[in-house]
Amino acid sequence: MHRHGMVFEELAVEVMAELPSDEARREVLALVELVRADPRAWPDVRDPGSVEEIREAFGWRCWIQYMPHAGAIEVREIGWSG
């Protein structure tokens, strides 16, 4: 799944499809937009020695794990607790 400045990995696309409502999808996409605007504002959670920059951002009922790229983010995983 591709949106302007965003790439969603297969697992993230599957989770988006399984979210319980349109409201849930809007909440996740709002967090993704917030992250895309300032991708390095969220903590880097990569394992020691890893070369991939992996960050996590948290919303009210959701979280995402992503990798910042020049002008874009790659959403690797989405979590929902609502």
Protein backbone atom coordinates (compact mmCIF):
# COMPACT_ATOMS: atom_id res chain seq x y z
CA MET A 1 0.00 0.00 0.00
CA HIS A 2 1.43 3.38 -0.99
CA ARG A 3 0.27 6.82 0.07
CA HIS A 4 2.08 10.09 -0.55
CA GLY A 5 5.29 9.88 1.46
CA MET A 6 4.34 6.52 3.03
CA VAL A 7 4.88 2.86 2.27
CA PHE A 8 2.99 0.19 4.20
CA GLU A 9 4.55 -3.27 4.61
CA GLU A 10 2.31 -6.30 4.00
CA LEU A 11 1.70 -6.96 7.72
CA ALA A 12 0.66 -3.33 8.27
CA VAL A 13 -1.77 -3.54 5.33
CA GLU A 14 -3.30 -6.70 6.80
CA VAL A 15 -3.75 -5.04 10.21
CA MET A 16 -5.35 -1.96 8.59
CA ALA A 17 -7.84 -4.24 6.82
CA GLU A 18 -8.72 -5.97 10.10
CA LEU A 19 -9.25 -2.83 12.21
CA PRO A 20 -12.74 -2.81 13.74
CA SER A 21 -14.05 0.42 12.19
CA ASP A 22 -13.44 3.37 9.90
CA GLU A 23 -12.79 5.42 13.04
CA ALA A 24 -9.96 3.06 13.98
CA ARG A 25 -8.44 3.36 10.50
CA ARG A 26 -8.69 7.16 10.68
CA GLU A 27 -6.93 7.16 14.05
CA VAL A 28 -4.06 5.03 12.71
CA LEU A 29 -3.74 7.17 9.57
CA ALA A 30 -3.75 10.35 11.69
CA LEU A 31 -0.80 8.95 13.70
CA VAL A 32 0.97 8.01 10.47
CA GLU A 33 0.48 11.56 9.14
CA LEU A 34 1.81 13.02 12.39
CA VAL A 35 4.89 10.81 12.18
CA ARG A 36 5.43 11.59 8.49
CA ALA A 37 5.52 15.31 9.32
CA ASP A 38 8.38 14.80 11.83
CA PRO A 39 9.65 11.21 11.64
CA ARG A 40 12.62 11.64 13.96
CA ALA A 41 10.58 13.08 16.83
CA TRP A 42 9.79 9.54 18.04
CA PRO A 43 12.24 7.19 19.79
CA ASP A 44 14.64 4.93 17.92
CA VAL A 45 14.07 1.36 19.15
CA ARG A 46 16.50 -0.61 17.00
CA ASP A 47 18.48 -3.42 18.51
CA PRO A 48 22.14 -2.70 19.30
CA GLY A 49 24.23 -3.23 16.20
CA SER A 50 21.30 -2.92 13.79
CA VAL A 51 21.87 -0.70 10.79
CA GLU A 52 18.15 -0.10 10.14
CA GLU A 53 16.70 2.94 11.90
CA ILE A 54 13.46 1.69 13.49
CA ARG A 55 11.18 3.99 15.45
CA GLU A 56 7.88 3.63 17.29
CA ALA A 57 5.10 6.15 17.74
CA PHE A 58 2.06 5.86 19.98
CA GLY A 59 -1.44 7.27 19.68
CA TRP A 60 -4.37 7.01 22.04
CA ARG A 61 -5.38 3.45 21.00
CA CYS A 62 -2.76 2.58 18.41
CA TRP A 63 0.96 2.42 17.74
CA ILE A 64 3.14 2.06 14.68
CA GLN A 65 6.65 0.85 14.05
CA TYR A 66 8.32 2.55 11.11
CA MET A 67 11.54 3.37 9.31
CA PRO A 68 12.19 6.94 8.19
CA HIS A 69 13.51 7.40 4.66
CA ALA A 70 14.38 10.62 2.82
CA GLY A 71 11.06 12.46 2.74
CA ALA A 72 8.96 9.37 3.54
CA ILE A 73 8.29 6.68 6.12
CA GLU A 74 7.91 2.92 5.77
CA VAL A 75 5.24 1.60 8.15
CA ARG A 76 6.38 -1.86 9.21
CA GLU A 77 3.84 -2.73 11.86
CA ILE A 78 0.60 -1.39 13.32
CA GLY A 79 -0.89 -2.21 16.71
CA TRP A 80 -4.42 -1.54 17.95
CA SER A 81 -5.56 -1.72 21.56
CA GLY A 82 -9.07 -0.26 21.18
